[in-house]
Structures are given as structure tokens and as C-alpha cells.
Amino acid sequence: MTLAIDRTNRLLAWNGVGPFSCCETISIYQLPDLKLLKRQQIMVLSDAMRDHLCFSPSGKFLFALGGWAYQSDGLDAYDVDSLRFVWSHFADQPGNRLAFSPDEKKVAIIAGCKHYVSLLEINNGTQLKKIQCFPGEHMASDLAGFSQNGSCILTVEDGFISTIQIDNEKEIERKQIGATNAWIFDVWFSNGTLNGLSFDHDSSGAIYWKDHCPQPGSFPIPSARWSGNTVSHNGQYLAVTADYSVEKEPWPIYLFDLEATLPIWCGIDEENPEMVISMAVTDDGEMLFSEYAGNKVAVYNPKSDSRPTQWLE
């Protein structure tokens, strides 16, 4: 996700394309007035773009994560106040998600092609531990997070959530989600409970589950059309974009209240039928941001309008 909102919902970060192929531009805006606070061009240390942004829980650091298959890439940390580069950690084929320990002293990143999790000291990037994780015959695809007491790391593997003890690197639990070989494509913690979204092969829509249990109803967007999604920090709102480009129609964005699993809003920009690259939504559901191909971000107010109210460029 090239868009990120901090946990206080006061800052929005956007990683846009820079003027040269070897650089990108990170911008930080104040919410809700969208005042530009800082913009900094950053050098890309490898051929792969940093295509996922994430604020640390304290809001002190902004992390840029990225990498393409079989390229050496990884994680960069920047100071939020100055956008000064602080440290970098390289990993082959990293996942799309970071995990932060409950005490906020460690950050975890998974390296897919080598199938291990690196635990890093959050202030300086020192590698504290490398955890080999082989929970099954397939590689773990991404991180789910830490356990509540910080003693375990949770990984996602096909239709399973695997819990691995950090000190001895042993899998102590594996829970199946949905049907066998279901595709789990997003997980998050909300109020201490692990939530997620998955597709079963015999299902026409996404299934929302809490604490490993599927919830009633499903999201009526076929897996072939489900292009991307984001969840608010408090776990209440889910924004989804669906790919209808085969009909040469604009890409709609749906906003769901996860308590009801029903769409409460649909936004569309009929004049700009480009692909949606990234999204972010505030905890109150009043501001939704969508980055489109062409290096521009649409600002939506779901409670008042279905079309963009403003653009960031």
C-alpha cells in the first residue's frame, strides 16, 4: 500500500513516483485538513520500488517495504518528523506486511523465498533473531502478527494460520480457515482478536472471519474481480476495489461496515477509469483515499459524496 494513515488518524503518508527512475517522493499530510507537512525525495537503493508504507504504532517511524520476486530488497525506516532516512534491512522477496511486538520494541518482516522471519530492533534495525518457519509443504505467504504476550509470531500459509514460538522456533498451533486450501489474502488484529478475509474455491465472494470463525454473509465481489482492499486501524471499515476494466468501466470502490458486512457506500470516478493502486480509510469512515495509476490520489468523503471531493498530486 503506497498510502498509510497513522494510528491516531492525524497523518497520511503517500509514496509517489519521483522525477527520476532511481528516486521516489514521500509526502506526509495532516488530517483532516490535508495540509502538506513534509515532502522528501528518497533514493531507491535497489531496482524495486518501495510499494508498501506503514507507520510504527508510536508514530515515530515511517516504514517503506517493497521488493519484487528474486530481487534483493526489503525495508527502509524514516523518521516521521523529518523524513530522514534512519536504517535499512535487506531481505529477498519480502511479504507485504510488517508486525510490531506488543512492547513496540521489535518489528518483524518475512522473507518469502528464504522462508524465514527476521525480528529487528525498531530503533536501529539490528537483527535480533532469524526464525526459520516451515509450517507446511508450502511457504508462508505473509505475517499475521505477534501473539498478545509477544512470545509467538503468526504466519499465513494457504488456508491456515500458523503460530510459531519465537524462542525455540517451533510451530505450536495451526488453525484452518474456511475450506482446505482457501486463499487468505488479508489478516489484522482488532481488539486483540485476529480477523481476516479469504476466498474458498467454491465461493463466489470473500469470507470475513473473526477469531478463526467465518462470520455470516459474504462480500459479493468475485475473487477474480477483487483487486485490493484496506482496513481501518480500529477494524471497523473495509474498503475494497473491484476490477471491472474488462468492460472498460471505471473501478468502483466499496466501503463496508464489518459489523454489518454490508456495503454502506460506493465511490467511483467516471472521468478517470484507471487502476486503483492503493487505498486508506480513517477510523471514523469519513475520509477515504485512493491512489490511481498516473501518480494521483483521490480524496473521498463517503458520508457526503460518491465522487472525489479533492485530489492530491
Protein backbone atom coordinates (compact mmCIF):
# COMPACT_ATOMS: atom_id res chain seq x y z
CA MET A 1 0.00 0.00 0.00
CA THR A 2 1.56 3.28 -1.09
CA LEU A 3 -0.88 5.09 1.23
CA ALA A 4 -0.81 4.85 5.03
CA ILE A 5 -2.62 6.50 7.94
CA ASP A 6 -1.05 6.63 11.39
CA ARG A 7 -2.88 5.08 14.35
CA THR A 8 -4.03 8.45 15.69
CA ASN A 9 -5.63 9.28 12.32
CA ARG A 10 -3.75 12.58 12.24
CA LEU A 11 -1.27 11.84 9.44
CA LEU A 12 -1.47 10.49 5.90
CA ALA A 13 1.66 9.29 4.09
CA TRP A 14 1.89 8.78 0.35
CA ASN A 15 4.78 7.30 -1.61
CA GLY A 16 4.61 8.69 -5.13
CA VAL A 17 6.79 8.39 -8.19
CA GLY A 18 9.79 10.72 -8.17
CA PRO A 19 11.21 12.74 -11.09
CA PHE A 20 13.84 10.08 -11.83
CA SER A 21 13.75 6.28 -12.01
CA CYS A 22 16.11 5.97 -9.03
CA CYS A 23 14.00 8.04 -6.63
CA GLU A 24 10.55 8.27 -5.10
CA THR A 25 8.70 11.04 -3.30
CA ILE A 26 7.25 10.56 0.19
CA SER A 27 4.67 13.13 1.28
CA ILE A 28 3.07 13.47 4.72
CA TYR A 29 -0.22 15.32 5.11
CA GLN A 30 -2.05 16.48 8.21
CA LEU A 31 -5.55 15.13 8.73
CA PRO A 32 -8.29 16.11 8.30
CA ASP A 33 -7.35 19.39 6.56
CA LEU A 34 -4.77 17.70 4.25
CA LYS A 35 -2.13 20.32 4.87
CA LEU A 36 1.17 19.18 3.37
CA LEU A 37 3.62 18.90 6.26
CA LYS A 38 6.64 17.34 4.60
CA ARG A 39 7.75 16.12 1.18
CA GLN A 40 11.04 14.41 0.57
CA GLN A 41 12.63 12.74 -2.43
CA ILE A 42 14.30 9.49 -1.46
CA MET A 43 16.82 7.38 -3.31
CA VAL A 44 15.81 3.81 -4.05
CA LEU A 45 18.67 1.51 -3.06
CA SER A 46 17.62 -1.29 -5.42
CA ASP A 47 15.68 -1.79 -8.64
CA ALA A 48 12.41 -2.45 -6.85
CA MET A 49 10.07 0.28 -5.69
CA ARG A 50 9.09 0.55 -2.03
CA ASP A 51 5.41 -0.12 -2.62
CA HIS A 52 4.06 -0.52 0.93
CA LEU A 53 4.04 2.15 3.65
CA CYS A 54 3.37 1.68 7.35
CA PHE A 55 3.62 3.91 10.42
CA SER A 56 5.06 2.42 13.59
CA PRO A 57 2.49 2.16 16.40
CA SER A 58 4.04 5.13 18.23
CA GLY A 59 4.12 7.21 15.05
CA LYS A 60 7.87 7.79 15.38
CA PHE A 61 8.86 5.88 12.23
CA LEU A 62 7.51 5.51 8.73
CA PHE A 63 8.45 2.20 7.13
CA ALA A 64 8.71 1.63 3.38
CA LEU A 65 8.56 -2.00 2.37
CA GLY A 66 8.93 -3.46 -1.09
CA GLY A 67 10.56 -5.89 -3.44
CA TRP A 68 9.93 -8.00 -6.49
CA ALA A 69 10.47 -11.75 -6.66
CA TYR A 70 14.10 -12.85 -6.68
CA GLN A 71 15.45 -9.35 -6.15
CA SER A 72 17.32 -8.36 -3.04
CA ASP A 73 15.15 -5.79 -1.32
CA GLY A 74 13.49 -5.15 1.99
CA LEU A 75 12.64 -2.44 4.47
CA ASP A 76 13.60 1.22 4.98
CA ALA A 77 12.86 3.23 8.13
CA TYR A 78 12.38 7.02 8.14
CA ASP A 79 11.90 9.49 10.95
CA VAL A 80 8.37 10.86 10.61
CA ASP A 81 9.12 14.41 11.75
CA SER A 82 12.00 14.98 9.32
CA LEU A 83 11.61 12.13 6.80
CA ARG A 84 15.29 11.48 7.45
CA PHE A 85 16.50 8.01 6.49
CA VAL A 86 17.31 6.04 9.68
CA TRP A 87 18.09 2.45 8.73
CA SER A 88 17.54 -0.27 6.13
CA HIS A 89 17.21 -4.05 6.22
CA PHE A 90 17.55 -6.20 3.12
CA ALA A 91 15.55 -9.37 2.51
CA ASP A 92 14.76 -11.49 -0.51
CA GLN A 93 11.18 -11.37 -1.74
CA PRO A 94 9.66 -9.81 1.39
CA GLY A 95 5.98 -10.08 2.25
CA ASN A 96 3.51 -7.24 2.19
CA ARG A 97 3.04 -6.77 5.90
CA LEU A 98 5.04 -5.80 8.97
CA ALA A 99 4.31 -6.96 12.51
CA PHE A 100 5.10 -5.00 15.68
CA SER A 101 5.70 -6.57 19.07
CA PRO A 102 3.31 -5.61 21.88
CA ASP A 103 6.05 -3.59 23.61
CA GLU A 104 6.72 -1.79 20.27
CA LYS A 105 10.47 -2.53 20.54
CA LYS A 106 10.63 -5.01 17.66
CA VAL A 107 9.40 -5.14 14.08
CA ALA A 108 9.12 -8.37 12.10
CA ILE A 109 9.44 -8.90 8.36
CA ILE A 110 9.03 -12.15 6.46
CA ALA A 111 11.27 -13.08 3.53
CA GLY A 112 9.25 -15.33 1.29
CA CYS A 113 11.81 -17.03 -0.93
CA LYS A 114 14.04 -17.98 2.03
CA HIS A 115 11.08 -18.71 4.27
CA TYR A 116 12.21 -17.01 7.44
CA VAL A 117 11.08 -14.17 9.68
CA SER A 118 13.55 -11.51 10.79
CA LEU A 119 12.99 -9.79 14.13
CA LEU A 120 14.54 -6.33 14.07
CA GLU A 121 15.20 -3.74 16.76
CA ILE A 122 12.80 -0.96 15.83
CA ASN A 123 15.12 1.98 16.61
CA ASN A 124 18.18 0.88 14.62
CA GLY A 125 17.25 -2.16 12.51
CA THR A 126 19.61 -4.57 14.28
CA GLN A 127 18.58 -8.14 13.52
CA LEU A 128 17.77 -9.78 16.85
CA LYS A 129 16.70 -13.17 15.54
CA LYS A 130 16.10 -15.03 12.31
CA ILE A 131 13.26 -17.54 12.66
CA GLN A 132 13.11 -20.40 10.19
CA CYS A 133 9.47 -21.29 9.65
CA PHE A 134 8.45 -24.39 7.74
CA PRO A 135 4.87 -24.92 8.90
CA GLY A 136 3.85 -26.97 5.87
CA GLU A 137 4.78 -28.03 2.40
CA HIS A 138 4.10 -24.51 1.10
CA MET A 139 5.95 -21.37 2.06
CA ALA A 140 4.36 -18.93 4.48
CA SER A 141 2.97 -16.14 2.34
CA ASP A 142 2.95 -13.34 4.90
CA LEU A 143 2.81 -12.30 8.53
CA ALA A 144 -0.31 -12.11 10.64
CA GLY A 145 1.31 -10.52 13.69
CA PHE A 146 2.59 -11.26 17.18
CA SER A 147 0.69 -13.08 19.87
CA GLN A 148 -0.69 -10.86 22.63
CA ASN A 149 2.20 -11.65 25.00
CA GLY A 150 4.81 -11.29 22.24
CA SER A 151 6.17 -14.84 22.63
CA CYS A 152 4.93 -16.10 19.26
CA ILE A 153 4.78 -14.97 15.66
CA LEU A 154 1.76 -15.80 13.47
CA THR A 155 2.20 -16.54 9.77
CA VAL A 156 -0.26 -17.08 6.93
CA GLU A 157 0.02 -20.20 4.79
CA ASP A 158 -2.68 -21.04 2.24
CA GLY A 159 -5.82 -21.68 4.31
CA PHE A 160 -4.00 -21.87 7.66
CA ILE A 161 -2.78 -19.54 10.39
CA SER A 162 0.41 -20.94 11.94
CA THR A 163 1.63 -19.93 15.41
CA ILE A 164 5.40 -20.26 15.86
CA GLN A 165 7.12 -19.90 19.22
CA ILE A 166 9.92 -17.38 18.91
CA ASP A 167 12.43 -18.79 21.41
CA ASN A 168 12.55 -22.34 20.02
CA GLU A 169 11.16 -21.71 16.50
CA LYS A 170 8.60 -24.49 16.83
CA GLU A 171 5.07 -24.44 15.46
CA ILE A 172 2.74 -24.83 18.41
CA GLU A 173 -0.60 -24.38 16.64
CA ARG A 174 -2.07 -24.35 13.18
CA LYS A 175 -5.70 -23.45 12.53
CA GLN A 176 -7.55 -23.90 9.28
CA ILE A 177 -9.63 -21.05 7.93
CA GLY A 178 -12.53 -21.97 5.70
CA ALA A 179 -12.20 -24.77 3.16
CA THR A 180 -8.99 -26.65 2.50
CA ASN A 181 -6.51 -24.58 0.51
CA ALA A 182 -8.57 -21.42 0.93
CA TRP A 183 -6.78 -18.27 -0.14
CA ILE A 184 -6.23 -15.94 2.84
CA PHE A 185 -5.40 -12.54 1.44
CA ASP A 186 -5.62 -10.22 4.43
CA VAL A 187 -5.35 -10.50 8.21
CA TRP A 188 -5.41 -7.95 11.01
CA PHE A 189 -5.85 -7.69 14.76
CA SER A 190 -8.78 -5.75 16.21
CA ASN A 191 -9.29 -5.52 19.98
CA GLY A 192 -6.90 -8.43 20.45
CA THR A 193 -8.80 -10.69 18.03
CA LEU A 194 -7.37 -11.95 14.75
CA ASN A 195 -9.62 -11.10 11.81
CA GLY A 196 -9.21 -11.78 8.13
CA LEU A 197 -10.58 -12.16 4.64
CA SER A 198 -10.35 -15.26 2.48
CA PHE A 199 -11.75 -16.91 -0.61
CA ASP A 200 -12.81 -20.54 -0.67
CA HIS A 201 -12.52 -22.12 -4.09
CA ASP A 202 -16.24 -22.88 -4.15
CA SER A 203 -17.27 -19.41 -3.00
CA SER A 204 -18.28 -16.51 -5.23
CA GLY A 205 -17.47 -13.87 -2.63
CA ALA A 206 -14.95 -13.07 0.07
CA ILE A 207 -15.50 -14.52 3.53
CA TYR A 208 -14.90 -12.39 6.62
CA TRP A 209 -13.80 -14.25 9.75
CA LYS A 210 -13.08 -13.33 13.37
CA ASP A 211 -11.00 -15.45 15.74
CA HIS A 212 -10.76 -18.13 13.03
CA CYS A 213 -14.57 -18.37 12.70
CA PRO A 214 -16.35 -17.34 9.46
CA GLN A 215 -18.98 -14.67 10.00
CA PRO A 216 -22.48 -14.75 8.47
CA GLY A 217 -22.73 -13.48 4.93
CA SER A 218 -20.00 -12.72 2.43
CA PHE A 219 -18.85 -9.83 0.28
CA PRO A 220 -20.48 -10.11 -3.15
CA ILE A 221 -17.36 -9.47 -5.23
CA PRO A 222 -15.94 -12.50 -7.09
CA SER A 223 -12.31 -13.35 -6.36
CA ALA A 224 -11.37 -12.75 -9.99
CA ARG A 225 -12.58 -9.16 -9.66
CA TRP A 226 -11.32 -8.43 -6.13
CA SER A 227 -8.36 -6.15 -6.85
CA GLY A 228 -7.35 -4.67 -3.49
CA ASN A 229 -8.52 -3.76 -0.01
CA THR A 230 -7.62 -1.90 3.16
CA VAL A 231 -8.95 -1.93 6.71
CA SER A 232 -9.15 0.97 9.17
CA HIS A 233 -6.93 0.71 12.25
CA ASN A 234 -9.90 0.08 14.53
CA GLY A 235 -11.06 -2.79 12.31
CA GLN A 236 -14.49 -1.31 11.63
CA TYR A 237 -14.28 -0.28 8.00
CA LEU A 238 -13.16 -2.28 4.99
CA ALA A 239 -12.56 -0.59 1.64
CA VAL A 240 -12.48 -2.79 -1.46
CA THR A 241 -11.80 -2.01 -5.10
CA ALA A 242 -13.06 -4.29 -7.84
CA ASP A 243 -11.53 -4.69 -11.30
CA TYR A 244 -14.14 -4.20 -13.97
CA SER A 245 -11.64 -2.97 -16.55
CA VAL A 246 -12.53 -5.83 -18.88
CA GLU A 247 -15.75 -3.95 -19.55
CA LYS A 248 -13.74 -0.71 -19.78
CA GLU A 249 -15.68 0.74 -16.90
CA PRO A 250 -14.27 2.80 -14.01
CA TRP A 251 -13.01 0.87 -11.00
CA PRO A 252 -15.58 1.16 -8.19
CA ILE A 253 -14.60 1.37 -4.52
CA TYR A 254 -16.88 -0.15 -1.89
CA LEU A 255 -16.83 0.71 1.79
CA PHE A 256 -18.14 -1.92 4.21
CA ASP A 257 -19.03 -1.70 7.87
CA LEU A 258 -17.64 -5.01 9.11
CA GLU A 259 -20.20 -5.21 11.88
CA ALA A 260 -22.91 -5.47 9.23
CA THR A 261 -20.86 -6.97 6.33
CA LEU A 262 -22.90 -4.78 4.01
CA PRO A 263 -21.67 -2.06 1.67
CA ILE A 264 -22.52 1.34 3.07
CA TRP A 265 -21.02 3.37 0.23
CA CYS A 266 -19.74 3.04 -3.32
CA GLY A 267 -17.41 5.61 -4.84
CA ILE A 268 -16.44 5.99 -8.47
CA ASP A 269 -14.63 8.47 -10.65
CA GLU A 270 -16.20 8.16 -14.07
CA GLU A 271 -13.71 10.51 -15.69
CA ASN A 272 -10.65 8.53 -14.56
CA PRO A 273 -11.07 4.81 -15.25
CA GLU A 274 -7.51 3.99 -14.22
CA MET A 275 -6.45 1.16 -11.97
CA VAL A 276 -6.65 1.70 -8.21
CA ILE A 277 -3.18 1.10 -6.74
CA SER A 278 -3.66 1.73 -3.03
CA MET A 279 -6.29 2.84 -0.51
CA ALA A 280 -6.52 4.07 3.09
CA VAL A 281 -9.53 4.82 5.29
CA THR A 282 -9.85 6.65 8.62
CA ASP A 283 -11.29 5.02 11.75
CA ASP A 284 -14.50 7.06 11.53
CA GLY A 285 -15.05 6.20 7.88
CA GLU A 286 -15.30 9.89 6.97
CA MET A 287 -12.20 10.06 4.74
CA LEU A 288 -11.13 7.51 2.16
CA PHE A 289 -8.06 7.90 -0.04
CA SER A 290 -7.44 6.09 -3.31
CA GLU A 291 -4.29 6.24 -5.41
CA TYR A 292 -4.82 5.78 -9.12
CA ALA A 293 -2.36 4.96 -11.87
CA GLY A 294 -0.91 8.25 -13.00
CA ASN A 295 0.53 9.24 -9.61
CA LYS A 296 -2.51 10.98 -8.14
CA VAL A 297 -4.67 10.39 -5.06
CA ALA A 298 -8.43 10.90 -4.88
CA VAL A 299 -9.95 12.08 -1.59
CA TYR A 300 -13.46 10.78 -0.92
CA ASN A 301 -15.97 11.72 1.79
CA PRO A 302 -18.13 8.58 1.94
CA LYS A 303 -20.78 10.26 4.07
CA SER A 304 -21.49 13.02 1.58
CA ASP A 305 -20.41 12.18 -1.97
CA SER A 306 -19.68 9.21 -4.22
CA ARG A 307 -17.13 11.14 -6.26
CA PRO A 308 -13.78 12.60 -5.26
CA THR A 309 -14.00 15.86 -3.34
CA GLN A 310 -10.30 16.65 -3.79
CA TRP A 311 -7.14 15.42 -5.48
CA LEU A 312 -3.59 15.13 -4.20
CA GLU A 313 -0.78 15.26 -6.75
